[in-house]
Amino acid sequence: MTEDELLERITVNPDIFGGKPIIRGMRIAVEHVLGMLVAGDTPERLLQEYPMLEPNDIQACLAYAHRSVSGEQVHERIAGAGMS
């Protein structure tokens, strides 16, 4: 999957977590997944704890973080795409 295809898994819904980026419309925030990875959890542990997650969802969170720190306004792009 390309980085752009991964980012399609990230959505923004103003009714869920105040419009924070989430994974595939579920109530799992990108920041939560990233925080778990930073805390030392492995992708395998995340997949065990959240069986609805797929490996590409974790990659999508990493792609989101990469684009964000690269200076791209990825949040606004995703929010705009979700409103069409």
N, C-alpha and C. Protein backbone atom coordinates (compact mmCIF):
# COMPACT_ATOMS: atom_id res chain seq x y z
N MET A 1 0.83 -1.18 0.00
CA MET A 1 0.00 0.00 0.00
C MET A 1 0.88 1.24 0.00
N THR A 2 0.50 2.23 -0.78
CA THR A 2 1.25 3.49 -0.78
C THR A 2 0.88 4.31 0.46
N GLU A 3 1.69 5.31 0.74
CA GLU A 3 1.40 6.17 1.88
C GLU A 3 0.06 6.87 1.71
N ASP A 4 -0.26 7.31 0.50
CA ASP A 4 -1.55 7.96 0.26
C ASP A 4 -2.70 6.99 0.50
N GLU A 5 -2.53 5.74 0.08
CA GLU A 5 -3.58 4.74 0.32
C GLU A 5 -3.73 4.46 1.82
N LEU A 6 -2.63 4.43 2.53
CA LEU A 6 -2.70 4.24 3.98
C LEU A 6 -3.46 5.38 4.64
N LEU A 7 -3.19 6.60 4.18
CA LEU A 7 -3.85 7.76 4.79
C LEU A 7 -5.35 7.77 4.55
N GLU A 8 -5.83 7.05 3.55
CA GLU A 8 -7.28 6.95 3.33
C GLU A 8 -7.96 6.21 4.48
N ARG A 9 -7.20 5.48 5.27
CA ARG A 9 -7.75 4.77 6.43
C ARG A 9 -7.99 5.72 7.61
N ILE A 10 -7.40 6.89 7.56
CA ILE A 10 -7.55 7.87 8.64
C ILE A 10 -8.69 8.82 8.27
N THR A 11 -9.61 8.96 9.20
CA THR A 11 -10.76 9.83 8.96
C THR A 11 -10.88 10.84 10.10
N VAL A 12 -11.63 11.88 9.83
CA VAL A 12 -11.93 12.88 10.83
C VAL A 12 -13.44 13.06 10.85
N ASN A 13 -14.01 12.87 12.03
CA ASN A 13 -15.44 13.03 12.21
C ASN A 13 -15.65 13.93 13.41
N PRO A 14 -16.26 15.10 13.20
CA PRO A 14 -16.42 16.04 14.32
C PRO A 14 -17.21 15.46 15.48
N ASP A 15 -17.97 14.40 15.24
CA ASP A 15 -18.77 13.80 16.30
C ASP A 15 -18.01 12.74 17.10
N ILE A 16 -16.79 12.40 16.68
CA ILE A 16 -16.00 11.40 17.39
C ILE A 16 -14.71 12.04 17.87
N PHE A 17 -14.49 12.01 19.17
CA PHE A 17 -13.28 12.56 19.79
C PHE A 17 -13.01 14.01 19.37
N GLY A 18 -14.06 14.78 19.22
CA GLY A 18 -13.90 16.19 18.90
C GLY A 18 -13.21 16.47 17.59
N GLY A 19 -13.31 15.54 16.64
CA GLY A 19 -12.72 15.75 15.33
C GLY A 19 -11.26 15.35 15.21
N LYS A 20 -10.75 14.63 16.22
CA LYS A 20 -9.37 14.14 16.12
C LYS A 20 -9.31 13.05 15.06
N PRO A 21 -8.16 12.87 14.44
CA PRO A 21 -8.02 11.80 13.44
C PRO A 21 -8.22 10.43 14.09
N ILE A 22 -9.04 9.61 13.43
CA ILE A 22 -9.34 8.27 13.91
C ILE A 22 -9.12 7.26 12.80
N ILE A 23 -9.13 6.01 13.15
CA ILE A 23 -8.88 4.94 12.19
C ILE A 23 -10.20 4.40 11.66
N ARG A 24 -10.38 4.50 10.36
CA ARG A 24 -11.52 3.94 9.64
C ARG A 24 -12.88 4.21 10.29
N GLY A 25 -13.04 5.39 10.86
CA GLY A 25 -14.32 5.75 11.45
C GLY A 25 -14.60 5.10 12.80
N MET A 26 -13.67 4.29 13.29
CA MET A 26 -13.84 3.64 14.59
C MET A 26 -13.46 4.62 15.70
N ARG A 27 -13.76 4.26 16.89
CA ARG A 27 -13.41 5.10 18.04
C ARG A 27 -12.00 4.77 18.55
N ILE A 28 -11.08 4.74 17.62
CA ILE A 28 -9.67 4.54 17.98
C ILE A 28 -8.89 5.69 17.35
N ALA A 29 -8.37 6.55 18.21
CA ALA A 29 -7.66 7.73 17.74
C ALA A 29 -6.24 7.39 17.30
N VAL A 30 -5.79 8.08 16.28
CA VAL A 30 -4.42 7.93 15.79
C VAL A 30 -3.45 8.21 16.93
N GLU A 31 -3.71 9.24 17.71
CA GLU A 31 -2.79 9.59 18.79
C GLU A 31 -2.70 8.48 19.83
N HIS A 32 -3.78 7.73 20.03
CA HIS A 32 -3.76 6.62 20.99
C HIS A 32 -2.83 5.50 20.50
N VAL A 33 -2.95 5.15 19.24
CA VAL A 33 -2.09 4.11 18.66
C VAL A 33 -0.63 4.56 18.73
N LEU A 34 -0.36 5.78 18.33
CA LEU A 34 1.01 6.29 18.38
C LEU A 34 1.55 6.30 19.81
N GLY A 35 0.71 6.69 20.75
CA GLY A 35 1.11 6.71 22.16
C GLY A 35 1.46 5.33 22.67
N MET A 36 0.69 4.34 22.26
CA MET A 36 0.99 2.97 22.68
C MET A 36 2.32 2.49 22.10
N LEU A 37 2.57 2.84 20.85
CA LEU A 37 3.85 2.47 20.23
C LEU A 37 5.01 3.15 20.94
N VAL A 38 4.85 4.43 21.27
CA VAL A 38 5.89 5.18 21.97
C VAL A 38 6.14 4.57 23.35
N ALA A 39 5.09 4.08 23.99
CA ALA A 39 5.21 3.49 25.32
C ALA A 39 5.87 2.11 25.28
N GLY A 40 6.12 1.61 24.08
CA GLY A 40 6.83 0.34 23.97
C GLY A 40 5.98 -0.84 23.54
N ASP A 41 4.69 -0.60 23.35
CA ASP A 41 3.85 -1.70 22.85
C ASP A 41 4.24 -2.02 21.41
N THR A 42 4.18 -3.27 21.07
CA THR A 42 4.49 -3.71 19.71
C THR A 42 3.23 -3.66 18.86
N PRO A 43 3.39 -3.61 17.56
CA PRO A 43 2.20 -3.70 16.69
C PRO A 43 1.40 -4.98 16.97
N GLU A 44 2.09 -6.07 17.27
CA GLU A 44 1.39 -7.32 17.56
C GLU A 44 0.50 -7.18 18.80
N ARG A 45 1.01 -6.49 19.82
CA ARG A 45 0.21 -6.28 21.03
C ARG A 45 -1.01 -5.41 20.73
N LEU A 46 -0.81 -4.38 19.94
CA LEU A 46 -1.95 -3.53 19.56
C LEU A 46 -3.02 -4.36 18.85
N LEU A 47 -2.59 -5.23 17.95
CA LEU A 47 -3.54 -6.06 17.20
C LEU A 47 -4.25 -7.04 18.13
N GLN A 48 -3.57 -7.49 19.17
CA GLN A 48 -4.22 -8.37 20.15
C GLN A 48 -5.22 -7.60 21.00
N GLU A 49 -4.84 -6.42 21.44
CA GLU A 49 -5.70 -5.61 22.31
C GLU A 49 -6.91 -5.05 21.57
N TYR A 50 -6.72 -4.78 20.29
CA TYR A 50 -7.78 -4.19 19.47
C TYR A 50 -7.97 -5.06 18.23
N PRO A 51 -8.72 -6.16 18.36
CA PRO A 51 -8.84 -7.11 17.25
C PRO A 51 -9.47 -6.52 15.98
N MET A 52 -10.13 -5.38 16.10
CA MET A 52 -10.71 -4.76 14.91
C MET A 52 -9.67 -4.02 14.07
N LEU A 53 -8.47 -3.80 14.67
CA LEU A 53 -7.39 -3.16 13.93
C LEU A 53 -6.75 -4.13 12.95
N GLU A 54 -6.23 -3.58 11.88
CA GLU A 54 -5.49 -4.34 10.89
C GLU A 54 -4.06 -3.78 10.84
N PRO A 55 -3.10 -4.59 10.44
CA PRO A 55 -1.72 -4.09 10.37
C PRO A 55 -1.59 -2.78 9.57
N ASN A 56 -2.36 -2.65 8.50
CA ASN A 56 -2.28 -1.42 7.72
C ASN A 56 -2.82 -0.20 8.47
N ASP A 57 -3.66 -0.42 9.48
CA ASP A 57 -4.13 0.70 10.30
C ASP A 57 -2.98 1.29 11.10
N ILE A 58 -2.13 0.42 11.63
CA ILE A 58 -0.96 0.89 12.38
C ILE A 58 -0.01 1.63 11.45
N GLN A 59 0.20 1.08 10.27
CA GLN A 59 1.04 1.75 9.27
C GLN A 59 0.44 3.10 8.90
N ALA A 60 -0.87 3.17 8.82
CA ALA A 60 -1.54 4.44 8.49
C ALA A 60 -1.27 5.49 9.56
N CYS A 61 -1.26 5.08 10.83
CA CYS A 61 -0.95 6.02 11.91
C CYS A 61 0.47 6.54 11.79
N LEU A 62 1.38 5.64 11.45
CA LEU A 62 2.77 6.06 11.26
C LEU A 62 2.92 6.99 10.06
N ALA A 63 2.19 6.71 9.00
CA ALA A 63 2.22 7.57 7.82
C ALA A 63 1.66 8.95 8.16
N TYR A 64 0.59 8.97 8.96
CA TYR A 64 0.00 10.24 9.39
C TYR A 64 1.03 11.05 10.19
N ALA A 65 1.71 10.38 11.12
CA ALA A 65 2.71 11.07 11.93
C ALA A 65 3.85 11.58 11.05
N HIS A 66 4.29 10.77 10.11
CA HIS A 66 5.37 11.16 9.21
C HIS A 66 4.99 12.41 8.42
N ARG A 67 3.81 12.37 7.83
CA ARG A 67 3.37 13.53 7.04
C ARG A 67 3.22 14.76 7.92
N SER A 68 2.74 14.57 9.14
CA SER A 68 2.52 15.71 10.04
C SER A 68 3.83 16.38 10.41
N VAL A 69 4.85 15.58 10.76
CA VAL A 69 6.12 16.18 11.16
C VAL A 69 6.90 16.70 9.96
N SER A 70 6.51 16.28 8.77
CA SER A 70 7.15 16.79 7.56
C SER A 70 6.59 18.15 7.17
N GLY A 71 5.60 18.62 7.90
CA GLY A 71 5.04 19.93 7.65
C GLY A 71 3.79 19.93 6.78
N GLU A 72 3.36 18.76 6.33
CA GLU A 72 2.15 18.69 5.51
C GLU A 72 0.93 18.90 6.39
N GLN A 73 -0.04 19.61 5.90
CA GLN A 73 -1.27 19.85 6.62
C GLN A 73 -2.23 18.67 6.40
N VAL A 74 -1.80 17.50 6.83
CA VAL A 74 -2.54 16.28 6.55
C VAL A 74 -3.89 16.25 7.26
N HIS A 75 -3.97 16.82 8.46
CA HIS A 75 -5.23 16.83 9.20
C HIS A 75 -6.31 17.57 8.42
N GLU A 76 -5.96 18.73 7.91
CA GLU A 76 -6.93 19.53 7.17
C GLU A 76 -7.33 18.82 5.87
N ARG A 77 -6.38 18.17 5.22
CA ARG A 77 -6.67 17.45 3.98
C ARG A 77 -7.65 16.31 4.23
N ILE A 78 -7.41 15.57 5.29
CA ILE A 78 -8.29 14.44 5.63
C ILE A 78 -9.66 14.95 6.04
N ALA A 79 -9.70 16.02 6.83
CA ALA A 79 -10.98 16.58 7.26
C ALA A 79 -11.78 17.06 6.06
N GLY A 80 -11.11 17.68 5.11
CA GLY A 80 -11.79 18.16 3.91
C GLY A 80 -12.32 17.02 3.06
N ALA A 81 -11.56 15.94 2.97
CA ALA A 81 -11.99 14.77 2.17
C ALA A 81 -13.18 14.10 2.82
N GLY A 82 -13.21 14.09 4.15
CA GLY A 82 -14.31 13.43 4.83
C GLY A 82 -15.62 14.19 4.74
N MET A 83 -15.56 15.45 4.37
CA MET A 83 -16.78 16.27 4.31
C MET A 83 -17.41 16.28 2.94
N SER A 84 -16.74 15.67 1.95
CA SER A 84 -17.32 15.70 0.60
C SER A 84 -18.39 14.68 0.45
